[in-house]
């Protein structure tokens, strides 16, 4: 029987009854061929059979992005299944995605969204469109093994590891553009940061009162003066504002929940997040991880509903000050608050790649007794994670969604920092 595929060529899909009927027929044909987890390859113009989604997401993607034009034999969705080796069928991971690991990274990020988009929803991963554009762009004409996005991520990694300045990064971009005019590059470090933020690697800038009285955040976000001391939010010159609004201090807050969800986005780290349950010592006289200590066991006794799910996250909080200028002749103290995840095995939980920077507190002096003012965004998020939890997709358990909760077990600090916490 011949399958009518003419509907896949319709461009004005929103109000087309023919397209809608054809799409429903396609989904009915594909339904028996989903895997055990309910996933199947997505033939939309963005995923091009590289990604696997549930049928509801396929419906949204095809309606929003259209059906890929060169997928003529639907062998992954029920048509002539025995012809899977046909040379006429575009195979997954072809073209620019050959050996490009960034595709899997994006799929981990997107599939970690617990809520399934509904047909016609404007939130159908629109925020990732720029990332997919960069992923589908060849770095240089004829180079299909290295996407523009992959090159950008590796270059940003080199910048951090080798402590390049923003200016040196921009100068390198100009040189590469001059030497390789056809290379697909971002224009500046600012543009690179904007793209990286879409991967969940950004932070919130929160204005702070000059005297550390309060944050201009949430209910006070639109205030022009501090509600405690009435000081202006902005720097003043001769009693008047400078050319543009410049805040006295800016707190950088790195949201915790997206970073915890990322730990469950890949099967490898998702399994490691259960180590504290399966790897604890069987000898009561041996302590090789905090799970073997009295504090951990006492916490489990007091909160059995939290301890029942081994995926719930146990955190440690550390705070300390440092001189960002690496010059001891300059009296400037900036403070950071770092969280570590004790679900992980002992050889990983203190590794730099698993330490999560949460707050970057501006100087020039130590926050002292005002530390609680700066901790407010983190405390609010920790309360939400403790009381209500957050929907998280577990890659170590067939990508099923569970309610992840988190708790801070203790703080790690020296005596000066302890007086503030």
Protein backbone atom coordinates (compact mmCIF):
# COMPACT_ATOMS: atom_id res chain seq x y z
CA UNK A 1 0.00 0.00 0.00
CA UNK A 2 1.32 3.43 -0.99
CA UNK A 3 1.66 5.91 1.84
CA UNK A 4 0.62 9.48 1.13
CA UNK A 5 3.59 11.68 2.04
CA UNK A 6 2.57 14.84 0.24
CA UNK A 7 1.61 16.48 3.53
CA UNK A 8 5.30 16.65 4.54
CA UNK A 9 5.89 19.27 1.84
CA UNK A 10 3.26 21.71 3.15
CA UNK A 11 4.91 24.91 4.39
CA UNK A 12 1.91 26.71 5.91
CA UNK A 13 1.30 24.11 8.59
CA UNK A 14 -0.57 26.10 11.25
CA UNK A 15 -4.04 26.00 9.68
CA UNK A 16 -3.63 23.05 7.31
CA UNK A 17 -6.10 20.23 7.90
CA UNK A 18 -4.23 18.05 5.39
CA UNK A 19 -0.96 18.47 7.29
CA UNK A 20 -2.63 17.72 10.63
CA UNK A 21 -4.33 14.57 9.30
CA UNK A 22 -1.09 13.37 7.68
CA UNK A 23 0.85 13.99 10.89
CA UNK A 24 -1.67 11.99 12.95
CA UNK A 25 -1.47 9.09 10.47
CA UNK A 26 2.33 9.17 10.69
CA UNK A 27 2.24 9.08 14.49
CA UNK A 28 -0.19 6.15 14.47
CA UNK A 29 2.15 4.26 12.13
CA UNK A 30 5.17 5.06 14.32
CA UNK A 31 3.49 4.20 17.62
CA UNK A 32 4.21 0.41 17.53
CA UNK A 33 7.91 1.10 16.89
CA UNK A 34 8.81 3.12 19.98
CA UNK A 35 11.45 1.60 22.26
CA UNK A 36 10.84 0.24 25.75
CA UNK A 37 11.04 3.76 27.21
CA UNK A 38 8.53 5.19 24.73
CA UNK A 39 11.17 7.00 22.62
CA UNK A 40 11.63 7.02 18.84
CA UNK A 41 13.76 8.97 16.35
CA UNK A 42 12.47 12.45 15.52
CA UNK A 43 12.39 13.30 11.77
CA UNK A 44 11.84 17.05 12.17
CA UNK A 45 14.09 19.52 10.36
CA UNK A 46 16.03 20.21 13.54
CA UNK A 47 16.57 16.73 14.98
CA UNK A 48 16.93 14.99 11.52
CA UNK A 49 16.60 11.52 13.09
CA UNK A 50 19.57 12.12 15.40
CA UNK A 51 17.52 12.62 18.54
CA UNK A 52 14.97 10.34 20.16
CA UNK A 53 11.83 11.70 21.81
CA UNK A 54 8.41 10.58 22.95
CA UNK A 55 5.56 10.77 20.41
CA UNK A 56 4.12 13.90 22.02
CA UNK A 57 7.41 15.71 21.43
CA UNK A 58 7.59 14.37 17.84
CA UNK A 59 4.17 15.87 17.21
CA UNK A 60 5.33 19.26 18.56
CA UNK A 61 8.66 19.24 16.69
CA UNK A 62 7.24 18.24 13.29
CA UNK A 63 4.47 20.80 13.59
CA UNK A 64 6.91 23.53 14.60
CA UNK A 65 10.01 22.76 12.49
CA UNK A 66 8.57 20.74 9.61
CA UNK A 67 9.37 17.27 8.30
CA UNK A 68 12.91 16.63 7.01
CA UNK A 69 12.84 16.71 3.21
CA UNK A 70 15.24 13.86 2.37
CA UNK A 71 13.66 11.24 4.63
CA UNK A 72 11.72 9.44 1.91
CA UNK A 73 11.54 5.92 3.30
CA UNK A 74 10.25 5.95 6.87
CA UNK A 75 12.19 2.89 7.96
CA UNK A 76 12.53 4.09 11.57
CA UNK A 77 8.78 4.64 11.86
CA UNK A 78 7.22 1.52 10.38
CA UNK A 79 7.64 1.65 6.62
CA UNK A 80 9.46 -1.32 5.08
CA UNK A 81 11.37 -2.05 8.31
CA UNK A 82 13.42 -4.80 6.66
CA UNK A 83 15.01 -2.22 4.36
CA UNK A 84 16.90 -0.50 7.19
CA UNK A 85 20.15 -0.92 5.33
CA UNK A 86 18.86 0.90 2.25
CA UNK A 87 21.44 3.31 0.89
CA UNK A 88 18.71 5.81 -0.08
CA UNK A 89 17.80 6.52 3.51
CA UNK A 90 19.67 9.29 5.35
CA UNK A 91 21.33 7.71 8.36
CA UNK A 92 21.42 9.36 11.77
CA UNK A 93 24.55 11.23 12.82
CA UNK A 94 25.32 12.14 9.23
CA UNK A 95 26.74 15.43 7.99
CA UNK A 96 27.96 17.95 10.50
CA UNK A 97 27.14 15.66 13.42
CA UNK A 98 29.80 13.07 12.53
CA UNK A 99 31.93 12.62 15.65
CA UNK A 100 30.57 15.92 17.07
CA UNK A 101 29.97 15.29 20.75
CA UNK A 102 28.06 18.55 21.21
CA UNK A 103 24.90 16.98 19.82
CA UNK A 104 24.75 14.58 22.78
CA UNK A 105 25.46 17.47 25.17
CA UNK A 106 22.49 19.45 23.85
CA UNK A 107 20.23 16.43 23.97
CA UNK A 108 21.18 15.91 27.63
CA UNK A 109 20.30 19.53 28.39
CA UNK A 110 17.00 19.56 26.51
CA UNK A 111 15.77 16.13 27.54
CA UNK A 112 16.33 17.11 31.18
CA UNK A 113 13.34 19.45 30.94
CA UNK A 114 10.76 17.52 32.89
CA UNK A 115 7.73 19.16 31.37
CA UNK A 116 6.70 17.86 27.95
CA UNK A 117 5.80 20.70 25.57
CA UNK A 118 2.27 20.69 24.21
CA UNK A 119 1.42 21.20 20.56
CA UNK A 120 1.53 24.86 19.65
CA UNK A 121 3.36 25.85 22.82
CA UNK A 122 5.72 28.80 22.41
CA UNK A 123 8.11 27.20 24.92
CA UNK A 124 9.00 24.28 22.64
CA UNK A 125 12.73 24.62 23.32
CA UNK A 126 12.79 27.97 21.49
CA UNK A 127 15.62 29.06 23.79
CA UNK A 128 17.84 26.41 22.20
CA UNK A 129 17.33 27.50 18.59
CA UNK A 130 20.57 29.53 18.48
CA UNK A 131 22.48 26.56 19.89
CA UNK A 132 21.08 24.21 17.26
CA UNK A 133 21.87 26.74 14.55
CA UNK A 134 25.50 26.81 15.73
CA UNK A 135 25.52 23.01 15.99
CA UNK A 136 24.24 22.59 12.43
CA UNK A 137 26.73 25.13 11.05
CA UNK A 138 29.98 23.84 9.61
CA UNK A 139 33.00 25.52 11.16
CA UNK A 140 34.49 25.88 7.69
CA UNK A 141 33.10 24.88 4.28
CA UNK A 142 33.83 21.19 3.79
CA UNK A 143 34.59 20.49 7.47
CA UNK A 144 31.68 18.31 8.63
CA UNK A 145 33.31 16.77 11.71
CA UNK A 146 33.59 19.99 13.73
CA UNK A 147 30.62 22.29 14.28
CA UNK A 148 30.77 25.98 15.02
CA UNK A 149 29.35 25.31 18.49
CA UNK A 150 31.95 22.64 19.28
CA UNK A 151 34.77 25.00 18.31
CA UNK A 152 33.28 27.78 20.46
CA UNK A 153 32.98 25.58 23.56
CA UNK A 154 36.56 24.34 23.24
CA UNK A 155 37.85 27.88 22.73
CA UNK A 156 36.01 29.12 25.82
CA UNK A 157 37.49 26.20 27.77
CA UNK A 158 40.99 27.20 26.67
CA UNK A 159 40.29 30.79 27.73
CA UNK A 160 39.39 29.70 31.25
CA UNK A 161 42.20 27.15 31.64
CA UNK A 162 44.89 29.57 30.40
CA UNK A 163 43.43 32.72 32.03
CA UNK A 164 43.04 34.69 28.81
CA UNK A 165 41.64 38.17 29.16
CA UNK A 166 38.47 39.12 27.31
CA UNK A 167 40.53 41.46 25.14
CA UNK A 168 42.97 38.70 24.14
CA UNK A 169 40.00 36.47 23.28
CA UNK A 170 38.55 39.17 21.00
CA UNK A 171 41.94 39.77 19.38
CA UNK A 172 42.26 36.05 18.63
CA UNK A 173 38.81 36.08 17.02
CA UNK A 174 39.83 38.98 14.80
CA UNK A 175 43.00 37.12 13.74
CA UNK A 176 41.06 33.94 12.94
CA UNK A 177 38.53 35.94 10.92
CA UNK A 178 41.35 37.62 9.02
CA UNK A 179 43.19 34.37 8.32
CA UNK A 180 40.07 32.27 7.60
CA UNK A 181 37.35 34.58 6.22
CA UNK A 182 34.90 31.72 5.61
CA UNK A 183 35.15 30.38 9.17
CA UNK A 184 31.87 30.57 11.08
CA UNK A 185 32.81 32.42 14.28
CA UNK A 186 31.05 34.59 16.84
CA UNK A 187 31.93 38.27 16.70
CA UNK A 188 33.19 38.76 20.26
CA UNK A 189 33.57 37.32 23.74
CA UNK A 190 30.28 39.01 24.65
CA UNK A 191 28.44 37.09 21.90
CA UNK A 192 30.15 33.85 22.98
CA UNK A 193 28.98 34.35 26.58
CA UNK A 194 25.39 34.98 25.41
CA UNK A 195 25.42 31.68 23.51
CA UNK A 196 26.98 29.76 26.39
CA UNK A 197 24.35 31.13 28.77
CA UNK A 198 21.70 29.25 26.78
CA UNK A 199 23.42 26.02 27.85
CA UNK A 200 22.59 26.81 31.46
CA UNK A 201 26.03 28.16 32.35
CA UNK A 202 24.95 31.68 33.26
CA UNK A 203 24.37 33.60 36.47
CA UNK A 204 22.07 36.28 37.89
CA UNK A 205 23.38 39.76 38.64
CA UNK A 206 21.72 41.12 41.80
CA UNK A 207 22.31 44.71 42.92
CA UNK A 208 23.32 45.24 46.55
CA UNK A 209 22.97 48.22 48.87
CA UNK A 210 26.15 50.25 49.34
CA UNK A 211 26.11 49.40 53.07
CA UNK A 212 25.22 45.71 52.59
CA UNK A 213 21.79 46.29 54.18
CA UNK A 214 19.67 44.52 51.58
CA UNK A 215 19.47 43.15 48.06
CA UNK A 216 17.52 44.79 45.26
CA UNK A 217 15.91 41.46 44.47
CA UNK A 218 12.43 39.97 44.17
CA UNK A 219 10.00 42.35 45.91
CA UNK A 220 12.72 45.07 46.03
CA UNK A 221 13.97 44.61 42.48
CA UNK A 222 12.47 47.89 41.24
CA UNK A 223 13.41 50.03 44.26
CA UNK A 224 15.64 53.03 43.66
CA UNK A 225 16.78 53.34 47.29
CA UNK A 226 17.56 50.90 50.10
CA UNK A 227 14.55 50.22 52.31
CA UNK A 228 16.81 49.99 55.37
CA UNK A 229 19.22 52.92 55.15
CA UNK A 230 17.66 54.94 52.27
CA UNK A 231 20.96 55.00 50.35
CA UNK A 232 20.66 55.29 46.58
CA UNK A 233 20.95 52.11 44.57
CA UNK A 234 23.19 53.88 42.04
CA UNK A 235 26.58 55.52 42.23
CA UNK A 236 26.30 59.29 42.55
CA UNK A 237 28.62 62.12 41.50
CA UNK A 238 28.15 65.48 43.23
CA UNK A 239 24.73 64.37 44.39
CA UNK A 240 23.63 63.34 40.90
CA UNK A 241 23.71 60.09 38.98
CA UNK A 242 26.52 59.39 36.55
CA UNK A 243 25.82 59.15 32.81
CA UNK A 244 24.13 55.77 33.13
CA UNK A 245 22.86 53.81 36.10
CA UNK A 246 25.80 52.02 37.74
CA UNK A 247 25.03 50.04 40.92
CA UNK A 248 27.30 50.33 43.95
CA UNK A 249 27.71 46.56 44.26
CA UNK A 250 26.67 43.51 42.26
CA UNK A 251 26.21 40.03 43.68
CA UNK A 252 26.65 37.16 41.20
CA UNK A 253 24.31 34.26 41.93
CA UNK A 254 24.65 30.93 40.12
CA UNK A 255 21.31 29.05 40.41
CA UNK A 256 21.69 25.65 42.04
CA UNK A 257 18.76 23.63 40.66
CA UNK A 258 19.89 23.56 36.98
CA UNK A 259 23.33 22.34 38.04
CA UNK A 260 21.90 19.57 40.20
CA UNK A 261 19.57 18.52 37.38
CA UNK A 262 22.56 18.37 35.06
CA UNK A 263 24.12 15.69 37.29
CA UNK A 264 21.20 13.41 36.44
CA UNK A 265 21.16 14.30 32.74
CA UNK A 266 23.71 11.65 31.73
CA UNK A 267 23.64 7.99 32.71
CA UNK A 268 27.24 8.05 33.96
CA UNK A 269 26.85 10.81 36.55
CA UNK A 270 23.29 9.71 37.38
CA UNK A 271 24.66 6.35 38.53
CA UNK A 272 27.46 8.04 40.47
CA UNK A 273 24.84 10.06 42.37
CA UNK A 274 23.73 6.75 43.96
CA UNK A 275 27.24 5.77 45.10
CA UNK A 276 26.67 6.81 48.72
CA UNK A 277 24.07 4.04 49.03
CA UNK A 278 25.96 1.18 47.37
CA UNK A 279 29.56 2.18 48.18
CA UNK A 280 29.43 2.85 51.89
CA UNK A 281 31.70 0.85 54.18
CA UNK A 282 30.38 -2.37 55.72
CA UNK A 283 32.83 -2.04 58.62
CA UNK A 284 31.49 0.19 61.42
CA UNK A 285 35.08 1.11 62.39
CA UNK A 286 36.02 2.39 58.92
CA UNK A 287 35.08 5.81 57.59
CA UNK A 288 36.00 6.50 53.98
CA UNK A 289 33.10 8.81 53.10
CA UNK A 290 30.74 11.07 55.09
CA UNK A 291 28.01 8.46 54.62
CA UNK A 292 29.89 6.32 57.19
CA UNK A 293 29.80 9.12 59.80
CA UNK A 294 27.40 9.70 62.68
CA UNK A 295 26.09 13.02 61.34
CA UNK A 296 24.85 11.41 58.11
CA UNK A 297 23.20 8.49 59.95
CA UNK A 298 21.58 10.84 62.46
CA UNK A 299 20.17 12.95 59.60
CA UNK A 300 18.68 9.81 58.01
CA UNK A 301 17.00 8.88 61.29
CA UNK A 302 15.45 12.33 61.68
CA UNK A 303 14.31 12.62 58.05
CA UNK A 304 13.43 9.10 56.81
CA UNK A 305 11.23 10.42 53.96
CA UNK A 306 14.27 12.23 52.55
CA UNK A 307 16.56 9.23 53.03
CA UNK A 308 14.13 6.86 51.28
CA UNK A 309 15.16 8.12 47.83
CA UNK A 310 18.92 7.72 47.37
CA UNK A 311 18.82 10.30 44.56
CA UNK A 312 18.04 13.14 46.95
CA UNK A 313 21.11 15.35 47.11
CA UNK A 314 23.29 15.89 50.21
CA UNK A 315 25.33 19.09 50.05
CA UNK A 316 28.18 20.70 51.92
CA UNK A 317 28.61 24.49 51.94
CA UNK A 318 31.97 26.27 52.11
CA UNK A 319 32.72 30.01 52.20
CA UNK A 320 35.95 31.98 52.25
CA UNK A 321 37.44 35.26 51.12
CA UNK A 322 40.23 35.88 48.61
CA UNK A 323 42.04 38.71 46.88
CA UNK A 324 40.97 38.62 43.21
CA UNK A 325 43.87 40.82 42.10
CA UNK A 326 46.61 38.44 43.27
CA UNK A 327 48.31 41.42 44.85
CA UNK A 328 48.56 41.51 48.63
CA UNK A 329 49.42 45.22 48.61
CA UNK A 330 45.81 45.90 47.55
CA UNK A 331 43.37 45.55 50.43
CA UNK A 332 40.37 43.96 48.74
CA UNK A 333 38.45 40.93 49.92
CA UNK A 334 35.95 39.13 47.69
CA UNK A 335 34.01 36.16 49.07
CA UNK A 336 32.73 33.05 47.37
CA UNK A 337 30.29 30.38 48.47
CA UNK A 338 30.84 26.90 47.07
CA UNK A 339 28.68 23.76 47.30
CA UNK A 340 29.89 20.18 46.99
CA UNK A 341 27.76 17.08 46.39
CA UNK A 342 28.32 14.24 48.85
CA UNK A 343 26.25 11.74 46.87
CA UNK A 344 29.36 11.23 44.75
CA UNK A 345 32.19 8.85 45.65
CA UNK A 346 35.06 10.26 47.75
CA UNK A 347 37.46 10.47 44.80
CA UNK A 348 35.04 12.78 42.93
CA UNK A 349 33.08 14.90 45.43
CA UNK A 350 36.05 17.22 46.05
CA UNK A 351 37.25 17.41 42.44
CA UNK A 352 37.07 20.93 40.94
CA UNK A 353 34.69 19.83 38.18
CA UNK A 354 32.10 18.75 40.78
CA UNK A 355 32.37 21.83 43.02
CA UNK A 356 29.56 24.30 42.30
CA UNK A 357 30.20 28.02 42.69
CA UNK A 358 26.98 29.44 44.11
CA UNK A 359 27.70 33.06 45.15
CA UNK A 360 30.36 35.59 44.28
CA UNK A 361 30.12 38.31 46.93
CA UNK A 362 31.63 41.70 46.06
CA UNK A 363 34.16 43.52 48.24
CA UNK A 364 36.03 45.53 49.18
CA UNK A 365 35.51 44.30 52.74
CA UNK A 366 34.40 40.99 54.16
CA UNK A 367 30.58 40.76 54.48
CA UNK A 368 30.98 39.87 58.17
CA UNK A 369 27.66 39.76 60.01
CA UNK A 370 25.87 40.79 56.81
CA UNK A 371 26.60 37.42 55.21
CA UNK A 372 22.94 36.44 55.66
CA UNK A 373 21.93 39.26 53.29
CA UNK A 374 24.05 37.81 50.50
CA UNK A 375 22.98 34.23 51.22
CA UNK A 376 19.30 35.03 50.74
CA UNK A 377 18.95 33.84 47.08
CA UNK A 378 20.69 30.57 47.90
CA UNK A 379 18.65 30.02 51.07
CA UNK A 380 15.40 30.64 49.16
CA UNK A 381 16.34 28.07 46.54
CA UNK A 382 17.48 25.55 49.15
CA UNK A 383 14.16 25.94 50.99
CA UNK A 384 12.30 25.23 47.76
CA UNK A 385 14.46 22.17 47.06
CA UNK A 386 13.92 20.90 50.60
CA UNK A 387 10.18 21.50 50.91
CA UNK A 388 8.86 20.88 47.39
CA UNK A 389 11.72 19.49 45.34
CA UNK A 390 12.02 19.89 41.57
CA UNK A 391 11.06 17.61 38.67
CA UNK A 392 14.22 16.00 37.30
CA UNK A 393 14.75 13.47 34.53
CA UNK A 394 16.96 10.57 35.67
CA UNK A 395 19.11 9.25 32.82
CA UNK A 396 20.17 6.33 35.03
CA UNK A 397 16.58 5.09 35.31
CA UNK A 398 15.15 5.08 31.77
CA UNK A 399 14.93 8.90 31.83
CA UNK A 400 11.97 8.78 34.20
CA UNK A 401 11.03 11.96 36.03
CA UNK A 402 11.36 12.04 39.81
CA UNK A 403 11.04 14.75 42.46
CA UNK A 404 14.59 15.67 43.47
CA UNK A 405 15.10 17.24 46.89
CA UNK A 406 18.29 18.63 48.42
CA UNK A 407 19.65 19.44 51.87
CA UNK A 408 22.79 21.08 53.27
CA UNK A 409 24.28 18.72 55.85
CA UNK A 410 27.03 21.00 57.16
CA UNK A 411 29.36 23.89 56.39
CA UNK A 412 33.13 23.72 55.81
CA UNK A 413 35.11 26.85 56.74
CA UNK A 414 37.93 28.32 58.79
CA UNK A 415 37.25 30.18 62.06
CA UNK A 416 36.94 33.71 60.51
CA UNK A 417 34.37 32.41 58.01
CA UNK A 418 32.59 30.48 60.77
CA UNK A 419 31.89 33.71 62.63
CA UNK A 420 29.98 34.94 59.56
CA UNK A 421 28.06 31.73 58.85
